[in-house]
Amino acid sequence: MVPISYLSQPSFQALLSKSEEEFGFDHPMGGLTIPCPEDTFITVTSRLR
C-alpha cells in the first residue's frame, strides 16, 4: 500500500504508466503489478516521503 499523495507525483505516475502498458489496470484481486525491481520501487517511494 502507498499513500494516496504519491499518485500526484511525476515519478510515481511514470511507474503507474509503465504498469498500465505492461499489465493493464483490470486486476480481479484489486492489486497492481509495478514492473520494476523492488529496490527501484523503494528508492522512488522513499524520495516521495
PDB file of N, CA and C in Angstrom:
ATOM      1  N   MET A   1       0.840  -1.174   0.000  1.00  0.00           N
ATOM      2  CA  MET A   1       0.000   0.000   0.000  1.00  0.00           C
ATOM      3  C   MET A   1       0.885   1.237   0.000  1.00  0.00           C
ATOM      4  N   VAL A   2       0.442   2.235  -0.722  1.00  0.00           N
ATOM      5  CA  VAL A   2       1.162   3.506  -0.760  1.00  0.00           C
ATOM      6  C   VAL A   2       0.186   4.633  -0.439  1.00  0.00           C
ATOM      7  N   PRO A   3       0.680   5.724   0.120  1.00  0.00           N
ATOM      8  CA  PRO A   3      -0.190   6.865   0.401  1.00  0.00           C
ATOM      9  C   PRO A   3      -0.786   7.439  -0.891  1.00  0.00           C
ATOM     10  N   ILE A   4      -2.000   7.891  -0.822  1.00  0.00           N
ATOM     11  CA  ILE A   4      -2.672   8.457  -1.997  1.00  0.00           C
ATOM     12  C   ILE A   4      -1.941   9.687  -2.524  1.00  0.00           C
ATOM     13  N   SER A   5      -1.211  10.374  -1.669  1.00  0.00           N
ATOM     14  CA  SER A   5      -0.467  11.567  -2.102  1.00  0.00           C
ATOM     15  C   SER A   5       0.596  11.216  -3.155  1.00  0.00           C
ATOM     16  N   TYR A   6       1.056   9.977  -3.196  1.00  0.00           N
ATOM     17  CA  TYR A   6       2.049   9.561  -4.186  1.00  0.00           C
ATOM     18  C   TYR A   6       1.490   9.625  -5.606  1.00  0.00           C
ATOM     19  N   LEU A   7       0.185   9.490  -5.750  1.00  0.00           N
ATOM     20  CA  LEU A   7      -0.423   9.418  -7.074  1.00  0.00           C
ATOM     21  C   LEU A   7      -0.214  10.688  -7.891  1.00  0.00           C
ATOM     22  N   SER A   8       0.000  11.805  -7.239  1.00  0.00           N
ATOM     23  CA  SER A   8       0.194  13.063  -7.963  1.00  0.00           C
ATOM     24  C   SER A   8       1.660  13.341  -8.289  1.00  0.00           C
ATOM     25  N   GLN A   9       2.555  12.491  -7.850  1.00  0.00           N
ATOM     26  CA  GLN A   9       3.990  12.697  -8.067  1.00  0.00           C
ATOM     27  C   GLN A   9       4.418  12.143  -9.431  1.00  0.00           C
ATOM     28  N   PRO A  10       5.129  12.944 -10.229  1.00  0.00           N
ATOM     29  CA  PRO A  10       5.537  12.504 -11.577  1.00  0.00           C
ATOM     30  C   PRO A  10       6.301  11.183 -11.597  1.00  0.00           C
ATOM     31  N   SER A  11       7.196  10.953 -10.658  1.00  0.00           N
ATOM     32  CA  SER A  11       7.968   9.704 -10.679  1.00  0.00           C
ATOM     33  C   SER A  11       7.071   8.502 -10.420  1.00  0.00           C
ATOM     34  N   PHE A  12       6.087   8.651  -9.547  1.00  0.00           N
ATOM     35  CA  PHE A  12       5.175   7.546  -9.280  1.00  0.00           C
ATOM     36  C   PHE A  12       4.199   7.370 -10.443  1.00  0.00           C
ATOM     37  N   GLN A  13       3.787   8.465 -11.057  1.00  0.00           N
ATOM     38  CA  GLN A  13       2.929   8.376 -12.237  1.00  0.00           C
ATOM     39  C   GLN A  13       3.622   7.633 -13.369  1.00  0.00           C
ATOM     40  N   ALA A  14       4.932   7.818 -13.486  1.00  0.00           N
ATOM     41  CA  ALA A  14       5.691   7.091 -14.516  1.00  0.00           C
ATOM     42  C   ALA A  14       5.646   5.593 -14.261  1.00  0.00           C
ATOM     43  N   LEU A  15       5.771   5.178 -12.992  1.00  0.00           N
ATOM     44  CA  LEU A  15       5.667   3.753 -12.668  1.00  0.00           C
ATOM     45  C   LEU A  15       4.276   3.221 -12.989  1.00  0.00           C
ATOM     46  N   LEU A  16       3.238   4.007 -12.669  1.00  0.00           N
ATOM     47  CA  LEU A  16       1.868   3.574 -12.960  1.00  0.00           C
ATOM     48  C   LEU A  16       1.626   3.469 -14.462  1.00  0.00           C
ATOM     49  N   SER A  17       2.164   4.404 -15.221  1.00  0.00           N
ATOM     50  CA  SER A  17       2.014   4.368 -16.671  1.00  0.00           C
ATOM     51  C   SER A  17       2.678   3.119 -17.256  1.00  0.00           C
ATOM     52  N   LYS A  18       3.871   2.812 -16.774  1.00  0.00           N
ATOM     53  CA  LYS A  18       4.573   1.607 -17.231  1.00  0.00           C
ATOM     54  C   LYS A  18       3.778   0.355 -16.854  1.00  0.00           C
ATOM     55  N   SER A  19       3.200   0.362 -15.666  1.00  0.00           N
ATOM     56  CA  SER A  19       2.383  -0.760 -15.218  1.00  0.00           C
ATOM     57  C   SER A  19       1.168  -0.946 -16.125  1.00  0.00           C
ATOM     58  N   GLU A  20       0.521   0.152 -16.464  1.00  0.00           N
ATOM     59  CA  GLU A  20      -0.650   0.078 -17.343  1.00  0.00           C
ATOM     60  C   GLU A  20      -0.272  -0.484 -18.709  1.00  0.00           C
ATOM     61  N   GLU A  21       0.854  -0.036 -19.257  1.00  0.00           N
ATOM     62  CA  GLU A  21       1.304  -0.516 -20.563  1.00  0.00           C
ATOM     63  C   GLU A  21       1.563  -2.021 -20.548  1.00  0.00           C
ATOM     64  N   GLU A  22       2.200  -2.499 -19.486  1.00  0.00           N
ATOM     65  CA  GLU A  22       2.598  -3.904 -19.441  1.00  0.00           C
ATOM     66  C   GLU A  22       1.496  -4.840 -18.968  1.00  0.00           C
ATOM     67  N   PHE A  23       0.675  -4.404 -18.005  1.00  0.00           N
ATOM     68  CA  PHE A  23      -0.273  -5.308 -17.374  1.00  0.00           C
ATOM     69  C   PHE A  23      -1.727  -4.864 -17.430  1.00  0.00           C
ATOM     70  N   GLY A  24      -1.972  -3.597 -17.737  1.00  0.00           N
ATOM     71  CA  GLY A  24      -3.333  -3.076 -17.671  1.00  0.00           C
ATOM     72  C   GLY A  24      -3.735  -2.848 -16.224  1.00  0.00           C
ATOM     73  N   PHE A  25      -4.905  -2.288 -16.017  1.00  0.00           N
ATOM     74  CA  PHE A  25      -5.369  -1.981 -14.659  1.00  0.00           C
ATOM     75  C   PHE A  25      -6.553  -2.851 -14.245  1.00  0.00           C
ATOM     76  N   ASP A  26      -6.914  -3.849 -15.023  1.00  0.00           N
ATOM     77  CA  ASP A  26      -8.058  -4.700 -14.709  1.00  0.00           C
ATOM     78  C   ASP A  26      -7.577  -5.959 -13.990  1.00  0.00           C
ATOM     79  N   HIS A  27      -7.450  -5.864 -12.663  1.00  0.00           N
ATOM     80  CA  HIS A  27      -6.976  -6.984 -11.852  1.00  0.00           C
ATOM     81  C   HIS A  27      -8.109  -7.479 -10.964  1.00  0.00           C
ATOM     82  N   PRO A  28      -8.441  -8.750 -11.029  1.00  0.00           N
ATOM     83  CA  PRO A  28      -9.558  -9.281 -10.233  1.00  0.00           C
ATOM     84  C   PRO A  28      -9.359  -9.135  -8.722  1.00  0.00           C
ATOM     85  N   MET A  29      -8.127  -9.150  -8.245  1.00  0.00           N
ATOM     86  CA  MET A  29      -7.868  -9.038  -6.811  1.00  0.00           C
ATOM     87  C   MET A  29      -7.693  -7.586  -6.367  1.00  0.00           C
ATOM     88  N   GLY A  30      -7.698  -6.654  -7.297  1.00  0.00           N
ATOM     89  CA  GLY A  30      -7.615  -5.247  -6.961  1.00  0.00           C
ATOM     90  C   GLY A  30      -6.216  -4.686  -6.815  1.00  0.00           C
ATOM     91  N   GLY A  31      -5.189  -5.509  -6.885  1.00  0.00           N
ATOM     92  CA  GLY A  31      -3.818  -5.016  -6.745  1.00  0.00           C
ATOM     93  C   GLY A  31      -3.229  -4.625  -8.079  1.00  0.00           C
ATOM     94  N   LEU A  32      -2.129  -3.912  -8.028  1.00  0.00           N
ATOM     95  CA  LEU A  32      -1.404  -3.535  -9.236  1.00  0.00           C
ATOM     96  C   LEU A  32      -0.032  -4.185  -9.216  1.00  0.00           C
ATOM     97  N   THR A  33       0.450  -4.540 -10.379  1.00  0.00           N
ATOM     98  CA  THR A  33       1.806  -5.033 -10.510  1.00  0.00           C
ATOM     99  C   THR A  33       2.651  -3.889 -11.038  1.00  0.00           C
ATOM    100  N   ILE A  34       3.654  -3.493 -10.284  1.00  0.00           N
ATOM    101  CA  ILE A  34       4.558  -2.425 -10.706  1.00  0.00           C
ATOM    102  C   ILE A  34       5.794  -3.091 -11.322  1.00  0.00           C
ATOM    103  N   PRO A  35       6.033  -2.851 -12.619  1.00  0.00           N
ATOM    104  CA  PRO A  35       7.106  -3.545 -13.329  1.00  0.00           C
ATOM    105  C   PRO A  35       8.489  -2.911 -13.114  1.00  0.00           C
ATOM    106  N   CYS A  36       8.993  -3.049 -11.915  1.00  0.00           N
ATOM    107  CA  CYS A  36      10.348  -2.584 -11.639  1.00  0.00           C
ATOM    108  C   CYS A  36      10.890  -3.400 -10.475  1.00  0.00           C
ATOM    109  N   PRO A  37      12.193  -3.435 -10.336  1.00  0.00           N
ATOM    110  CA  PRO A  37      12.762  -4.159  -9.200  1.00  0.00           C
ATOM    111  C   PRO A  37      12.333  -3.520  -7.871  1.00  0.00           C
ATOM    112  N   GLU A  38      12.264  -4.321  -6.840  1.00  0.00           N
ATOM    113  CA  GLU A  38      11.826  -3.833  -5.531  1.00  0.00           C
ATOM    114  C   GLU A  38      12.695  -2.679  -5.039  1.00  0.00           C
ATOM    115  N   ASP A  39      14.002  -2.770  -5.250  1.00  0.00           N
ATOM    116  CA  ASP A  39      14.872  -1.691  -4.779  1.00  0.00           C
ATOM    117  C   ASP A  39      14.592  -0.377  -5.494  1.00  0.00           C
ATOM    118  N   THR A  40      14.231  -0.428  -6.772  1.00  0.00           N
ATOM    119  CA  THR A  40      13.852   0.782  -7.511  1.00  0.00           C
ATOM    120  C   THR A  40      12.576   1.367  -6.934  1.00  0.00           C
ATOM    121  N   PHE A  41      11.590   0.521  -6.652  1.00  0.00           N
ATOM    122  CA  PHE A  41      10.336   0.984  -6.071  1.00  0.00           C
ATOM    123  C   PHE A  41      10.586   1.639  -4.710  1.00  0.00           C
ATOM    124  N   ILE A  42      11.409   1.033  -3.905  1.00  0.00           N
ATOM    125  CA  ILE A  42      11.736   1.586  -2.581  1.00  0.00           C
ATOM    126  C   ILE A  42      12.450   2.929  -2.721  1.00  0.00           C
ATOM    127  N   THR A  43      13.358   3.031  -3.681  1.00  0.00           N
ATOM    128  CA  THR A  43      14.068   4.285  -3.917  1.00  0.00           C
ATOM    129  C   THR A  43      13.095   5.394  -4.324  1.00  0.00           C
ATOM    130  N   VAL A  44      12.214   5.099  -5.264  1.00  0.00           N
ATOM    131  CA  VAL A  44      11.241   6.100  -5.729  1.00  0.00           C
ATOM    132  C   VAL A  44      10.335   6.533  -4.581  1.00  0.00           C
ATOM    133  N   THR A  45       9.776   5.570  -3.866  1.00  0.00           N
ATOM    134  CA  THR A  45       8.831   5.941  -2.794  1.00  0.00           C
ATOM    135  C   THR A  45       9.526   6.622  -1.630  1.00  0.00           C
ATOM    136  N   SER A  46      10.779   6.288  -1.358  1.00  0.00           N
ATOM    137  CA  SER A  46      11.481   6.955  -0.246  1.00  0.00           C
ATOM    138  C   SER A  46      11.754   8.411  -0.566  1.00  0.00           C
ATOM    139  N   ARG A  47      11.911   8.742  -1.828  1.00  0.00           N
ATOM    140  CA  ARG A  47      12.114  10.139  -2.236  1.00  0.00           C
ATOM    141  C   ARG A  47      10.826  10.955  -2.116  1.00  0.00           C
ATOM    142  N   LEU A  48       9.687  10.286  -2.101  1.00  0.00           N
ATOM    143  CA  LEU A  48       8.401  10.977  -2.026  1.00  0.00           C
ATOM    144  C   LEU A  48       7.973  11.293  -0.604  1.00  0.00           C
ATOM    145  N   ARG A  49       8.629  10.719   0.372  1.00  0.00           N
ATOM    146  CA  ARG A  49       8.252  10.938   1.777  1.00  0.00           C
ATOM    147  C   ARG A  49       8.650  12.290   2.264  1.00  0.00           C
TER     148      ARG A  49
END
